[in-house]
C-alpha cells in the first residue's frame, strides 16, 4: 500500500478489493501470531494504509482473529471497537484455529489444551468459527460468548448498510461498495450457518 502508483494501476485495471491479514490491533496479539510487518508499522498505520487504498477506488477486506491466547472478553470487545472504527470495508472474523500439522497445533497438543483430536472424525470442528482448544486466560464458554456477541455487532445488517455507504464515500466506486457489501453479507450468512453468530 506504500506504492500509490501501483494502487492506481490496480484500480484502473479493475481491482475492487484487497485482502489484508491484519489479525489484531494489540501489540501482544500481533506478537503472538508473529505479524512482524504489522508490528513494525504499528496498528496506528492501518488507517493511513486504508486511505491510500481507498483513493485508488479499492475496498479493504481486513482479516481479524478472535480467540488468541491473550484474548479476554474485554480484549475481544476492544478489538471489535477497533474494527468498527477502523475504516476497513469488509470484516473477516475467524477464530484462532490450530490446524493439524502447524506449530500452534503441536504446542497446544503438548499443553493438553486441544479439545478435538480424533482425526478425521473431528475435522468438522476445525472450521475457523469455533474454539477447538481451551483458552489460556478465561473459560471457553465465557470467551465464546464474547466472540458471538461481538460478531453479532460487527455483522448487524444496519451496521453493514452504513459501512457500505462509507465504502462508497471513501472509494468513490459503486463496484467496490457492492463487492464489499456482498462480502460482508456472505460472511454474516456463513457465521449464522456455523453458529458463530446467533
Protein backbone atom coordinates (compact mmCIF):
# COMPACT_ATOMS: atom_id res chain seq x y z
CA UNK A 1 0.00 0.00 0.00
CA UNK A 2 3.04 2.26 0.02
CA UNK A 3 3.19 2.40 -3.78
CA UNK A 4 0.39 4.77 -4.79
CA UNK A 5 1.17 4.35 -8.49
CA UNK A 6 0.72 0.58 -8.20
CA UNK A 7 -2.57 1.05 -6.36
CA UNK A 8 -3.81 3.45 -9.03
CA UNK A 9 -2.91 0.99 -11.79
CA UNK A 10 -4.64 -1.81 -9.88
CA UNK A 11 -7.77 0.33 -9.55
CA UNK A 12 -7.71 1.20 -13.26
CA UNK A 13 -7.27 -2.50 -14.11
CA UNK A 14 -10.46 -3.36 -12.23
CA UNK A 15 -9.22 -4.36 -8.78
CA UNK A 16 -12.08 -3.56 -6.41
CA UNK A 17 -10.94 -5.19 -3.18
CA UNK A 18 -7.70 -6.23 -1.48
CA UNK A 19 -7.25 -8.68 1.38
CA UNK A 20 -5.12 -7.56 4.34
CA UNK A 21 -4.30 -10.03 7.13
CA UNK A 22 -4.45 -7.51 9.97
CA UNK A 23 -5.27 -10.06 12.70
CA UNK A 24 -5.40 -7.57 15.59
CA UNK A 25 -4.68 -4.06 16.79
CA UNK A 26 -2.98 -5.15 20.01
CA UNK A 27 0.82 -5.49 20.22
CA UNK A 28 0.63 -8.65 22.34
CA UNK A 29 -1.79 -10.31 19.91
CA UNK A 30 0.31 -9.33 16.89
CA UNK A 31 3.39 -10.74 18.62
CA UNK A 32 1.53 -13.98 19.36
CA UNK A 33 0.67 -14.51 15.68
CA UNK A 34 4.12 -13.35 14.53
CA UNK A 35 2.87 -10.44 12.40
CA UNK A 36 6.23 -8.68 12.13
CA UNK A 37 5.20 -6.29 9.36
CA UNK A 38 2.15 -5.13 11.33
CA UNK A 39 4.28 -4.81 14.47
CA UNK A 40 6.95 -2.80 12.67
CA UNK A 41 4.41 -0.41 11.18
CA UNK A 42 2.10 -0.35 14.18
CA UNK A 43 -1.67 -0.67 14.19
CA UNK A 44 -1.85 3.13 14.11
CA UNK A 45 -0.71 2.92 10.46
CA UNK A 46 -3.73 0.83 9.40
CA UNK A 47 -5.94 3.88 8.87
CA UNK A 48 -3.40 5.59 6.58
CA UNK A 49 -3.00 2.36 4.61
CA UNK A 50 -6.76 2.07 4.16
CA UNK A 51 -6.99 5.69 3.00
CA UNK A 52 -4.34 5.14 0.30
CA UNK A 53 -6.09 2.01 -0.94
CA UNK A 54 -9.46 3.80 -0.94
CA UNK A 55 -8.07 6.69 -3.00
CA UNK A 56 -7.44 4.16 -5.78
CA UNK A 57 -11.13 3.12 -5.70
CA UNK A 58 -10.37 -0.15 -3.94
CA UNK A 59 -12.12 -1.56 -0.86
CA UNK A 60 -10.23 -3.20 2.02
CA UNK A 61 -11.07 -6.68 3.30
CA UNK A 62 -9.50 -6.85 6.75
CA UNK A 63 -9.00 -10.26 8.37
CA UNK A 64 -9.06 -10.36 12.17
CA UNK A 65 -8.64 -13.21 14.65
CA UNK A 66 -10.59 -13.82 17.85
CA UNK A 67 -9.57 -16.39 20.47
CA UNK A 68 -5.83 -15.86 20.71
CA UNK A 69 -4.11 -16.88 23.93
CA UNK A 70 -4.07 -13.34 25.33
CA UNK A 71 -7.70 -12.69 24.46
CA UNK A 72 -10.25 -11.99 27.16
CA UNK A 73 -13.84 -10.84 26.68
CA UNK A 74 -12.67 -7.25 27.21
CA UNK A 75 -9.92 -7.60 24.60
CA UNK A 76 -12.42 -9.07 22.13
CA UNK A 77 -14.70 -6.08 22.75
CA UNK A 78 -11.76 -3.68 22.28
CA UNK A 79 -10.82 -5.42 19.02
CA UNK A 80 -14.44 -5.11 17.91
CA UNK A 81 -14.44 -1.38 18.68
CA UNK A 82 -11.25 -1.04 16.66
CA UNK A 83 -12.72 -2.98 13.74
CA UNK A 84 -15.92 -0.93 13.76
CA UNK A 85 -13.99 2.36 13.74
CA UNK A 86 -11.00 1.42 11.58
CA UNK A 87 -12.29 2.25 8.11
CA UNK A 88 -11.96 -1.34 6.89
CA UNK A 89 -14.74 -2.14 4.41
CA UNK A 90 -15.14 -5.90 4.82
CA UNK A 91 -14.58 -7.73 8.08
CA UNK A 92 -13.44 -11.33 8.04
CA UNK A 93 -13.55 -12.62 11.60
CA UNK A 94 -12.12 -16.05 12.28
CA UNK A 95 -11.37 -17.92 15.48
CA UNK A 96 -7.77 -18.91 16.12
CA UNK A 97 -7.73 -22.48 14.86
CA UNK A 98 -4.74 -24.78 15.46
CA UNK A 99 -4.85 -26.74 12.22
CA UNK A 100 -3.18 -30.17 12.43
CA UNK A 101 0.44 -30.07 11.34
CA UNK A 102 1.03 -26.45 12.41
CA UNK A 103 3.33 -25.30 15.20
CA UNK A 104 0.28 -23.95 17.02
CA UNK A 105 -1.39 -27.36 16.90
CA UNK A 106 1.71 -29.11 18.26
CA UNK A 107 2.14 -26.54 21.04
CA UNK A 108 -1.49 -26.78 22.17
CA UNK A 109 -1.32 -30.58 21.89
CA UNK A 110 1.76 -30.64 24.16
CA UNK A 111 -0.01 -28.32 26.61
CA UNK A 112 -3.05 -30.63 26.64
CA UNK A 113 -5.37 -27.82 25.51
CA UNK A 114 -6.84 -29.34 22.33
CA UNK A 115 -10.47 -30.39 22.65
CA UNK A 116 -10.78 -32.41 19.43
CA UNK A 117 -8.00 -34.77 18.31
CA UNK A 118 -9.78 -37.76 16.75
CA UNK A 119 -8.96 -37.25 13.07
CA UNK A 120 -10.52 -37.46 10.58
CA UNK A 121 -13.73 -37.62 12.65
CA UNK A 122 -13.08 -34.24 14.33
CA UNK A 123 -12.26 -32.27 11.17
CA UNK A 124 -15.75 -30.73 11.23
CA UNK A 125 -14.87 -28.77 14.37
CA UNK A 126 -11.91 -27.05 12.67
CA UNK A 127 -13.99 -24.61 10.59
CA UNK A 128 -12.41 -21.34 11.84
CA UNK A 129 -15.62 -20.38 13.71
CA UNK A 130 -15.26 -22.40 16.94
CA UNK A 131 -12.78 -22.58 19.78
CA UNK A 132 -11.27 -26.05 19.43
CA UNK A 133 -8.88 -25.52 22.33
CA UNK A 134 -9.06 -24.39 25.93
CA UNK A 135 -8.24 -20.68 26.13
CA UNK A 136 -5.38 -19.61 28.35
CA UNK A 137 -6.95 -16.63 30.16
CA UNK A 138 -10.65 -17.34 30.65
CA UNK A 139 -13.15 -20.20 30.50
CA UNK A 140 -14.02 -21.32 26.97
CA UNK A 141 -17.75 -20.58 27.38
CA UNK A 142 -17.05 -17.01 28.51
CA UNK A 143 -14.74 -16.27 25.57
CA UNK A 144 -17.10 -17.97 23.09
CA UNK A 145 -20.00 -15.84 24.35
CA UNK A 146 -17.98 -12.63 23.95
CA UNK A 147 -16.96 -13.65 20.42
CA UNK A 148 -20.59 -14.33 19.44
CA UNK A 149 -21.74 -11.05 21.00
CA UNK A 150 -19.09 -9.07 19.12
CA UNK A 151 -19.72 -10.90 15.85
CA UNK A 152 -23.42 -10.01 16.12
CA UNK A 153 -22.41 -6.37 16.47
CA UNK A 154 -19.97 -6.47 13.55
CA UNK A 155 -22.37 -8.24 11.18
CA UNK A 156 -25.56 -6.39 12.17
CA UNK A 157 -27.39 -5.58 8.91
CA UNK A 158 -27.84 -1.89 9.80
CA UNK A 159 -24.12 -1.63 10.52
CA UNK A 160 -23.31 -3.37 7.22
CA UNK A 161 -25.52 -0.95 5.28
CA UNK A 162 -23.88 2.03 6.98
CA UNK A 163 -20.47 0.55 6.21
CA UNK A 164 -21.46 0.17 2.54
CA UNK A 165 -22.30 3.89 2.38
CA UNK A 166 -18.93 4.67 3.96
CA UNK A 167 -17.17 2.42 1.42
CA UNK A 168 -18.84 4.32 -1.42
CA UNK A 169 -17.82 7.64 0.13
CA UNK A 170 -14.23 6.50 0.72
CA UNK A 171 -13.63 4.79 -2.63
CA UNK A 172 -15.97 6.68 -4.95
CA UNK A 173 -16.66 3.30 -6.55
CA UNK A 174 -20.09 1.68 -6.77
CA UNK A 175 -18.40 -1.61 -7.73
CA UNK A 176 -16.12 -1.58 -4.68
CA UNK A 177 -19.10 -0.78 -2.47
CA UNK A 178 -21.13 -3.61 -4.00
CA UNK A 179 -18.28 -6.13 -3.64
CA UNK A 180 -17.74 -5.07 -0.03
CA UNK A 181 -21.40 -5.18 0.95
CA UNK A 182 -21.93 -8.60 -0.65
CA UNK A 183 -18.81 -9.98 1.04
CA UNK A 184 -19.99 -8.74 4.45
CA UNK A 185 -23.43 -10.28 3.94
CA UNK A 186 -21.79 -13.55 2.85
CA UNK A 187 -19.60 -13.57 5.99
CA UNK A 188 -22.70 -12.83 8.07
CA UNK A 189 -24.60 -15.73 6.47
CA UNK A 190 -21.65 -18.09 6.92
CA UNK A 191 -21.35 -17.11 10.58
CA UNK A 192 -25.05 -17.70 11.14
CA UNK A 193 -24.90 -21.09 9.39
CA UNK A 194 -21.98 -22.17 11.61
CA UNK A 195 -23.49 -20.84 14.84
CA UNK A 196 -20.76 -18.19 15.18
CA UNK A 197 -23.44 -15.50 15.04
CA UNK A 198 -26.72 -16.08 16.88
